[in-house]
Amino acid sequence: MRRLRTTADVLDACDDPLVRWASQALSSGGAAWEHRGAVAVHAPCLTRRRRLVLSGPPEGVASLLAAHGRGVNLRPLLERRLAQEVATLMPTPWVEDKPFGWMDRSGTLDLPPEPTWLATPDGVEPLLRTALPDSWAWPGEKGVRRWAGIHLDNTLVATAAEAWSSHDVGFMMGVAVHPSHTRKGLGHRICQFVASSLLTLYGTCALFVENYNAPAIALYRKLGFAYRDITTLLPAV
């Protein structure tokens, strides 16, 4: 089992955008390892969770999970199909937690003219509390870098954030449209604006999505994002 000391080591060892996104943790107290072509990144605080992000061949992932996957509040995160294979290889029982979606894309995307990056996040929190009260990103939260918005009649009616971006994966969170302004294409435009900006900066753009949120998944697919089921494996009680 080989220790990966730097973000660059992780990027050299793995081309999975999920792991590459997690590699940002190595600059803030994280750690990473490679074993038999698999890579694990321990991220002490990434999107509010202490995570161990894994990818690669099942046998290598199983070894990394056995060595580094236990701890208080640790959430081992990996693709769901891989998790199901890995669970069969573990010497003690592990169970799958609630799955959700990871979506990413690379390349370029046209920048729509209407949305802008907000000079201040004024209006974002009231909009989130109305349209997306369970948002993972909030103004002022650690890792949340900036907010984009669309205004109608001087009122913020759509927003999305850049949050928890890594060296080469920009991350989009906090997408919200005011309930009185849905079905006007505002969600598509704000997401296209943020995704286009992040693709220009990082080369790849990614996001989390609830796996049951078919309209959101369809919107992101229209913008060129590909979907993967991801989940966490937790030790059986």
C-alpha atoms as a PDB file:
ATOM      1  CA  MET A   1       0.000   0.000   0.000  1.00  0.00           C
ATOM      2  CA  ARG A   2       1.579   3.266  -1.159  1.00  0.00           C
ATOM      3  CA  ARG A   3       1.019   6.628   0.498  1.00  0.00           C
ATOM      4  CA  LEU A   4       0.211   9.470  -1.879  1.00  0.00           C
ATOM      5  CA  ARG A   5       1.722  12.592  -0.372  1.00  0.00           C
ATOM      6  CA  THR A   6       0.411  15.390  -2.577  1.00  0.00           C
ATOM      7  CA  THR A   7      -2.575  16.321  -4.698  1.00  0.00           C
ATOM      8  CA  ALA A   8      -0.345  15.870  -7.743  1.00  0.00           C
ATOM      9  CA  ASP A   9       0.358  12.285  -6.643  1.00  0.00           C
ATOM     10  CA  VAL A  10      -3.392  11.595  -6.533  1.00  0.00           C
ATOM     11  CA  LEU A  11      -3.955  13.161  -9.950  1.00  0.00           C
ATOM     12  CA  ASP A  12      -1.155  11.012 -11.393  1.00  0.00           C
ATOM     13  CA  ALA A  13      -2.628   7.864  -9.827  1.00  0.00           C
ATOM     14  CA  CYS A  14      -6.325   8.260 -10.718  1.00  0.00           C
ATOM     15  CA  ASP A  15      -8.391   9.772 -13.521  1.00  0.00           C
ATOM     16  CA  ASP A  16     -11.774   9.411 -11.784  1.00  0.00           C
ATOM     17  CA  PRO A  17     -13.220  12.943 -11.341  1.00  0.00           C
ATOM     18  CA  LEU A  18     -14.763  11.873  -8.006  1.00  0.00           C
ATOM     19  CA  VAL A  19     -11.338  11.071  -6.533  1.00  0.00           C
ATOM     20  CA  ARG A  20      -9.701  14.028  -8.251  1.00  0.00           C
ATOM     21  CA  TRP A  21     -12.322  16.272  -6.641  1.00  0.00           C
ATOM     22  CA  ALA A  22     -11.579  14.779  -3.216  1.00  0.00           C
ATOM     23  CA  SER A  23      -7.828  15.309  -3.681  1.00  0.00           C
ATOM     24  CA  GLN A  24      -8.244  18.911  -2.506  1.00  0.00           C
ATOM     25  CA  ALA A  25      -8.199  17.451   1.014  1.00  0.00           C
ATOM     26  CA  LEU A  26      -4.446  16.851   0.855  1.00  0.00           C
ATOM     27  CA  SER A  27      -3.879  20.573   1.314  1.00  0.00           C
ATOM     28  CA  SER A  28      -6.052  20.681   4.452  1.00  0.00           C
ATOM     29  CA  GLY A  29      -5.146  17.721   6.638  1.00  0.00           C
ATOM     30  CA  GLY A  30      -6.224  14.870   4.381  1.00  0.00           C
ATOM     31  CA  ALA A  31      -4.357  11.767   3.289  1.00  0.00           C
ATOM     32  CA  ALA A  32      -4.392   9.391   0.325  1.00  0.00           C
ATOM     33  CA  TRP A  33      -3.222   5.901  -0.607  1.00  0.00           C
ATOM     34  CA  GLU A  34      -2.904   3.706  -3.699  1.00  0.00           C
ATOM     35  CA  HIS A  35      -3.138  -0.073  -3.749  1.00  0.00           C
ATOM     36  CA  ARG A  36      -3.370  -2.419  -6.744  1.00  0.00           C
ATOM     37  CA  GLY A  37      -4.605   0.379  -9.017  1.00  0.00           C
ATOM     38  CA  ALA A  38      -7.192   1.654  -6.513  1.00  0.00           C
ATOM     39  CA  VAL A  39      -7.018   5.020  -4.764  1.00  0.00           C
ATOM     40  CA  ALA A  40      -8.536   6.258  -1.492  1.00  0.00           C
ATOM     41  CA  VAL A  41      -8.580   9.871  -0.324  1.00  0.00           C
ATOM     42  CA  HIS A  42      -9.401  10.706   3.288  1.00  0.00           C
ATOM     43  CA  ALA A  43     -11.056  14.132   3.386  1.00  0.00           C
ATOM     44  CA  PRO A  44     -11.610  15.338   6.988  1.00  0.00           C
ATOM     45  CA  CYS A  45     -14.282  17.838   5.907  1.00  0.00           C
ATOM     46  CA  LEU A  46     -15.713  17.783   2.390  1.00  0.00           C
ATOM     47  CA  THR A  47     -19.274  18.983   1.764  1.00  0.00           C
ATOM     48  CA  ARG A  48     -19.906  18.838   5.515  1.00  0.00           C
ATOM     49  CA  ARG A  49     -18.779  15.222   5.901  1.00  0.00           C
ATOM     50  CA  ARG A  50     -15.648  13.348   6.922  1.00  0.00           C
ATOM     51  CA  ARG A  51     -15.267  11.229   3.803  1.00  0.00           C
ATOM     52  CA  LEU A  52     -13.084   8.451   2.429  1.00  0.00           C
ATOM     53  CA  VAL A  53     -13.467   8.645  -1.352  1.00  0.00           C
ATOM     54  CA  LEU A  54     -12.512   5.438  -3.207  1.00  0.00           C
ATOM     55  CA  SER A  55     -12.190   4.317  -6.823  1.00  0.00           C
ATOM     56  CA  GLY A  56     -10.499   1.558  -8.794  1.00  0.00           C
ATOM     57  CA  PRO A  57     -10.498  -2.249  -9.047  1.00  0.00           C
ATOM     58  CA  PRO A  58     -12.719  -3.890  -6.381  1.00  0.00           C
ATOM     59  CA  GLU A  59      -9.924  -5.917  -4.765  1.00  0.00           C
ATOM     60  CA  GLY A  60      -7.748  -2.840  -4.265  1.00  0.00           C
ATOM     61  CA  VAL A  61     -10.687  -0.764  -3.036  1.00  0.00           C
ATOM     62  CA  ALA A  62     -11.621  -3.507  -0.548  1.00  0.00           C
ATOM     63  CA  SER A  63      -8.080  -3.501   0.873  1.00  0.00           C
ATOM     64  CA  LEU A  64      -8.065   0.291   1.182  1.00  0.00           C
ATOM     65  CA  LEU A  65     -11.487   0.270   2.809  1.00  0.00           C
ATOM     66  CA  ALA A  66     -10.422  -2.389   5.314  1.00  0.00           C
ATOM     67  CA  ALA A  67      -7.279  -0.421   6.187  1.00  0.00           C
ATOM     68  CA  HIS A  68      -8.678   3.109   6.308  1.00  0.00           C
ATOM     69  CA  GLY A  69     -12.477   2.952   6.228  1.00  0.00           C
ATOM     70  CA  ARG A  70     -13.390   2.886   9.903  1.00  0.00           C
ATOM     71  CA  GLY A  71     -13.616   5.799  12.271  1.00  0.00           C
ATOM     72  CA  VAL A  72     -16.033   8.088  14.038  1.00  0.00           C
ATOM     73  CA  ASN A  73     -18.419   9.675  11.526  1.00  0.00           C
ATOM     74  CA  LEU A  74     -16.300   8.543   8.567  1.00  0.00           C
ATOM     75  CA  ARG A  75     -18.311   8.210   5.338  1.00  0.00           C
ATOM     76  CA  PRO A  76     -16.645   5.946   2.721  1.00  0.00           C
ATOM     77  CA  LEU A  77     -17.925   7.252  -0.635  1.00  0.00           C
ATOM     78  CA  LEU A  78     -17.728   5.329  -3.908  1.00  0.00           C
ATOM     79  CA  GLU A  79     -19.689   4.405  -7.014  1.00  0.00           C
ATOM     80  CA  ARG A  80     -22.679   2.258  -6.075  1.00  0.00           C
ATOM     81  CA  ARG A  81     -21.921  -0.623  -8.435  1.00  0.00           C
ATOM     82  CA  LEU A  82     -18.367  -0.756  -7.121  1.00  0.00           C
ATOM     83  CA  ALA A  83     -19.660  -0.616  -3.529  1.00  0.00           C
ATOM     84  CA  GLN A  84     -21.807  -3.671  -4.110  1.00  0.00           C
ATOM     85  CA  GLU A  85     -18.815  -5.617  -5.460  1.00  0.00           C
ATOM     86  CA  VAL A  86     -16.550  -4.445  -2.654  1.00  0.00           C
ATOM     87  CA  ALA A  87     -19.067  -5.443   0.038  1.00  0.00           C
ATOM     88  CA  THR A  88     -18.797  -9.076  -1.059  1.00  0.00           C
ATOM     89  CA  LEU A  89     -15.015  -8.981  -0.583  1.00  0.00           C
ATOM     90  CA  MET A  90     -14.962  -7.569   2.933  1.00  0.00           C
ATOM     91  CA  PRO A  91     -14.156  -9.990   5.799  1.00  0.00           C
ATOM     92  CA  THR A  92     -16.803  -8.368   8.024  1.00  0.00           C
ATOM     93  CA  PRO A  93     -20.257  -7.155   6.952  1.00  0.00           C
ATOM     94  CA  TRP A  94     -20.718  -3.671   5.507  1.00  0.00           C
ATOM     95  CA  VAL A  95     -24.050  -2.170   4.451  1.00  0.00           C
ATOM     96  CA  GLU A  96     -24.960   0.368   1.820  1.00  0.00           C
ATOM     97  CA  ASP A  97     -26.220   3.742   2.955  1.00  0.00           C
ATOM     98  CA  LYS A  98     -28.645   5.969   1.024  1.00  0.00           C
ATOM     99  CA  PRO A  99     -27.448   6.331  -2.604  1.00  0.00           C
ATOM    100  CA  PHE A 100     -27.426   9.612  -4.494  1.00  0.00           C
ATOM    101  CA  GLY A 101     -26.053  10.957  -7.755  1.00  0.00           C
ATOM    102  CA  TRP A 102     -22.758  12.377  -8.996  1.00  0.00           C
ATOM    103  CA  MET A 103     -22.768  14.136 -12.367  1.00  0.00           C
ATOM    104  CA  ASP A 104     -19.829  15.580 -14.268  1.00  0.00           C
ATOM    105  CA  ARG A 105     -18.736  16.779 -17.661  1.00  0.00           C
ATOM    106  CA  SER A 106     -15.673  18.273 -19.318  1.00  0.00           C
ATOM    107  CA  GLY A 107     -15.079  20.368 -22.418  1.00  0.00           C
ATOM    108  CA  THR A 108     -16.657  23.775 -22.997  1.00  0.00           C
ATOM    109  CA  LEU A 109     -20.154  25.214 -22.764  1.00  0.00           C
ATOM    110  CA  ASP A 110     -21.567  28.462 -24.154  1.00  0.00           C
ATOM    111  CA  LEU A 111     -21.881  31.223 -21.569  1.00  0.00           C
ATOM    112  CA  PRO A 112     -25.435  32.621 -21.420  1.00  0.00           C
ATOM    113  CA  PRO A 113     -25.621  36.436 -21.160  1.00  0.00           C
ATOM    114  CA  GLU A 114     -28.248  36.955 -18.451  1.00  0.00           C
ATOM    115  CA  PRO A 115     -26.819  35.471 -15.199  1.00  0.00           C
ATOM    116  CA  THR A 116     -23.895  37.096 -13.397  1.00  0.00           C
ATOM    117  CA  TRP A 117     -21.607  36.366 -10.474  1.00  0.00           C
ATOM    118  CA  LEU A 118     -22.994  38.314  -7.536  1.00  0.00           C
ATOM    119  CA  ALA A 119     -20.806  40.991  -5.964  1.00  0.00           C
ATOM    120  CA  THR A 120     -22.325  40.060  -2.581  1.00  0.00           C
ATOM    121  CA  PRO A 121     -24.599  37.152  -1.586  1.00  0.00           C
ATOM    122  CA  ASP A 122     -27.403  39.530  -0.550  1.00  0.00           C
ATOM    123  CA  GLY A 123     -30.718  37.839  -1.229  1.00  0.00           C
ATOM    124  CA  VAL A 124     -29.262  34.337  -1.556  1.00  0.00           C
ATOM    125  CA  GLU A 125     -30.188  33.084   1.906  1.00  0.00           C
ATOM    126  CA  PRO A 126     -33.866  34.197   1.727  1.00  0.00           C
ATOM    127  CA  LEU A 127     -34.147  32.599  -1.704  1.00  0.00           C
ATOM    128  CA  LEU A 128     -32.633  29.336  -0.463  1.00  0.00           C
ATOM    129  CA  ARG A 129     -34.918  29.269   2.570  1.00  0.00           C
ATOM    130  CA  THR A 130     -37.914  29.601   0.238  1.00  0.00           C
ATOM    131  CA  ALA A 131     -36.833  27.425  -2.675  1.00  0.00           C
ATOM    132  CA  LEU A 132     -34.204  25.013  -1.301  1.00  0.00           C
ATOM    133  CA  PRO A 133     -34.219  24.896   2.508  1.00  0.00           C
ATOM    134  CA  ASP A 134     -32.153  21.679   2.553  1.00  0.00           C
ATOM    135  CA  SER A 135     -29.379  23.174   0.409  1.00  0.00           C
ATOM    136  CA  TRP A 136     -25.883  21.838   1.088  1.00  0.00           C
ATOM    137  CA  ALA A 137     -24.335  25.250   0.342  1.00  0.00           C
ATOM    138  CA  TRP A 138     -25.072  28.506   2.168  1.00  0.00           C
ATOM    139  CA  PRO A 139     -23.502  31.983   2.075  1.00  0.00           C
ATOM    140  CA  GLY A 140     -20.550  32.224   4.425  1.00  0.00           C
ATOM    141  CA  GLU A 141     -20.112  28.465   4.781  1.00  0.00           C
ATOM    142  CA  LYS A 142     -16.537  27.178   4.584  1.00  0.00           C
ATOM    143  CA  GLY A 143     -15.757  25.978   1.070  1.00  0.00           C
ATOM    144  CA  VAL A 144     -18.560  27.981  -0.578  1.00  0.00           C
ATOM    145  CA  ARG A 145     -16.698  30.402  -2.820  1.00  0.00           C
ATOM    146  CA  ARG A 146     -19.188  32.535  -4.762  1.00  0.00           C
ATOM    147  CA  TRP A 147     -22.787  32.802  -5.931  1.00  0.00           C
ATOM    148  CA  ALA A 148     -24.307  33.459  -9.330  1.00  0.00           C
ATOM    149  CA  GLY A 149     -27.747  34.917  -9.795  1.00  0.00           C
ATOM    150  CA  ILE A 150     -30.541  36.088 -12.061  1.00  0.00           C
ATOM    151  CA  HIS A 151     -32.591  39.129 -11.065  1.00  0.00           C
ATOM    152  CA  LEU A 152     -36.090  40.090 -12.194  1.00  0.00           C
ATOM    153  CA  ASP A 153     -37.350  43.531 -11.157  1.00  0.00           C
ATOM    154  CA  ASN A 154     -34.328  43.876  -8.858  1.00  0.00           C
ATOM    155  CA  THR A 155     -35.228  40.668  -7.013  1.00  0.00           C
ATOM    156  CA  LEU A 156     -32.979  37.600  -6.974  1.00  0.00           C
ATOM    157  CA  VAL A 157     -35.056  34.767  -8.441  1.00  0.00           C
ATOM    158  CA  ALA A 158     -32.416  32.136  -9.319  1.00  0.00           C
ATOM    159  CA  THR A 159     -29.052  31.262  -7.847  1.00  0.00           C
ATOM    160  CA  ALA A 160     -26.281  28.651  -7.818  1.00  0.00           C
ATOM    161  CA  ALA A 161     -22.894  28.468  -6.124  1.00  0.00           C
ATOM    162  CA  GLU A 162     -19.349  27.417  -6.787  1.00  0.00           C
ATOM    163  CA  ALA A 163     -18.457  25.399  -3.692  1.00  0.00           C
ATOM    164  CA  TRP A 164     -15.769  22.883  -2.743  1.00  0.00           C
ATOM    165  CA  SER A 165     -13.971  23.066  -6.086  1.00  0.00           C
ATOM    166  CA  SER A 166     -10.667  21.201  -6.352  1.00  0.00           C
ATOM    167  CA  HIS A 167      -7.532  21.623  -8.455  1.00  0.00           C
ATOM    168  CA  ASP A 168      -9.150  20.458 -11.701  1.00  0.00           C
ATOM    169  CA  VAL A 169     -12.823  19.838 -10.834  1.00  0.00           C
ATOM    170  CA  GLY A 170     -15.153  22.795 -10.350  1.00  0.00           C
ATOM    171  CA  PHE A 171     -18.162  21.983  -8.162  1.00  0.00           C
ATOM    172  CA  MET A 172     -21.671  23.437  -8.470  1.00  0.00           C
ATOM    173  CA  MET A 173     -24.094  23.468  -5.525  1.00  0.00           C
ATOM    174  CA  GLY A 174     -27.069  25.400  -4.154  1.00  0.00           C
ATOM    175  CA  VAL A 175     -29.122  25.582  -7.352  1.00  0.00           C
ATOM    176  CA  ALA A 176     -32.439  27.259  -6.543  1.00  0.00           C
ATOM    177  CA  VAL A 177     -35.252  29.017  -8.419  1.00  0.00           C
ATOM    178  CA  HIS A 178     -37.990  30.919  -6.625  1.00  0.00           C
ATOM    179  CA  PRO A 179     -41.258  28.906  -6.728  1.00  0.00           C
ATOM    180  CA  SER A 180     -43.107  31.819  -8.400  1.00  0.00           C
ATOM    181  CA  HIS A 181     -40.611  31.812 -11.290  1.00  0.00           C
ATOM    182  CA  THR A 182     -40.323  28.133 -12.190  1.00  0.00           C
ATOM    183  CA  ARG A 183     -40.945  26.796 -15.711  1.00  0.00           C
ATOM    184  CA  LYS A 184     -39.284  29.841 -17.262  1.00  0.00           C
ATOM    185  CA  GLY A 185     -35.912  28.258 -18.045  1.00  0.00           C
ATOM    186  CA  LEU A 186     -34.163  30.084 -15.202  1.00  0.00           C
ATOM    187  CA  GLY A 187     -32.743  26.881 -13.708  1.00  0.00           C
ATOM    188  CA  HIS A 188     -31.257  25.901 -17.048  1.00  0.00           C
ATOM    189  CA  ARG A 189     -29.708  29.343 -17.560  1.00  0.00           C
ATOM    190  CA  ILE A 190     -28.189  29.668 -14.091  1.00  0.00           C
ATOM    191  CA  CYS A 191     -26.736  26.147 -14.273  1.00  0.00           C
ATOM    192  CA  GLN A 192     -25.370  26.736 -17.761  1.00  0.00           C
ATOM    193  CA  PHE A 193     -23.709  29.951 -16.594  1.00  0.00           C
ATOM    194  CA  VAL A 194     -22.030  28.375 -13.571  1.00  0.00           C
ATOM    195  CA  ALA A 195     -21.044  25.200 -15.444  1.00  0.00           C
ATOM    196  CA  SER A 196     -19.584  27.226 -18.329  1.00  0.00           C
ATOM    197  CA  SER A 197     -17.555  29.357 -15.916  1.00  0.00           C
ATOM    198  CA  LEU A 198     -16.244  26.338 -13.994  1.00  0.00           C
ATOM    199  CA  LEU A 199     -15.378  24.426 -17.168  1.00  0.00           C
ATOM    200  CA  THR A 200     -13.292  27.387 -18.311  1.00  0.00           C
ATOM    201  CA  LEU A 201     -11.463  27.523 -14.974  1.00  0.00           C
ATOM    202  CA  TYR A 202     -11.052  23.834 -14.131  1.00  0.00           C
ATOM    203  CA  GLY A 203     -11.686  21.749 -17.260  1.00  0.00           C
ATOM    204  CA  THR A 204     -14.293  19.596 -15.463  1.00  0.00           C
ATOM    205  CA  CYS A 205     -17.514  20.537 -13.675  1.00  0.00           C
ATOM    206  CA  ALA A 206     -19.335  18.243 -11.236  1.00  0.00           C
ATOM    207  CA  LEU A 207     -22.234  18.247  -8.792  1.00  0.00           C
ATOM    208  CA  PHE A 208     -24.298  16.120  -6.426  1.00  0.00           C
ATOM    209  CA  VAL A 209     -27.969  15.428  -7.159  1.00  0.00           C
ATOM    210  CA  GLU A 210     -30.644  13.390  -5.405  1.00  0.00           C
ATOM    211  CA  ASN A 211     -31.095  10.181  -7.401  1.00  0.00           C
ATOM    212  CA  TYR A 212     -34.892  10.551  -7.314  1.00  0.00           C
ATOM    213  CA  ASN A 213     -34.861  14.120  -8.676  1.00  0.00           C
ATOM    214  CA  ALA A 214     -35.651  13.253 -12.287  1.00  0.00           C
ATOM    215  CA  PRO A 215     -36.268  16.868 -13.466  1.00  0.00           C
ATOM    216  CA  ALA A 216     -32.888  18.043 -12.133  1.00  0.00           C
ATOM    217  CA  ILE A 217     -31.075  15.049 -13.638  1.00  0.00           C
ATOM    218  CA  ALA A 218     -32.768  15.714 -16.981  1.00  0.00           C
ATOM    219  CA  LEU A 219     -31.722  19.380 -16.854  1.00  0.00           C
ATOM    220  CA  TYR A 220     -28.098  18.487 -16.160  1.00  0.00           C
ATOM    221  CA  ARG A 221     -28.123  15.857 -18.912  1.00  0.00           C
ATOM    222  CA  LYS A 222     -29.265  18.554 -21.368  1.00  0.00           C
ATOM    223  CA  LEU A 223     -26.170  20.507 -20.328  1.00  0.00           C
ATOM    224  CA  GLY A 224     -23.953  17.516 -21.144  1.00  0.00           C
ATOM    225  CA  PHE A 225     -23.485  16.008 -17.690  1.00  0.00           C
ATOM    226  CA  ALA A 226     -23.230  12.222 -17.237  1.00  0.00           C
ATOM    227  CA  TYR A 227     -24.839  10.536 -14.229  1.00  0.00           C
ATOM    228  CA  ARG A 228     -23.366   7.971 -11.803  1.00  0.00           C
ATOM    229  CA  ASP A 229     -24.999   6.388  -8.756  1.00  0.00           C
ATOM    230  CA  ILE A 230     -22.771   6.791  -5.711  1.00  0.00           C
ATOM    231  CA  THR A 231     -23.234   5.659  -2.135  1.00  0.00           C
ATOM    232  CA  THR A 232     -21.459   5.033   1.140  1.00  0.00           C
ATOM    233  CA  LEU A 233     -20.579   1.699   2.716  1.00  0.00           C
ATOM    234  CA  LEU A 234     -20.924   1.586   6.472  1.00  0.00           C
ATOM    235  CA  PRO A 235     -19.927  -1.160   8.919  1.00  0.00           C
ATOM    236  CA  ALA A 236     -22.939  -3.297   9.823  1.00  0.00           C
ATOM    237  CA  VAL A 237     -24.069  -2.760  13.399  1.00  0.00           C
END
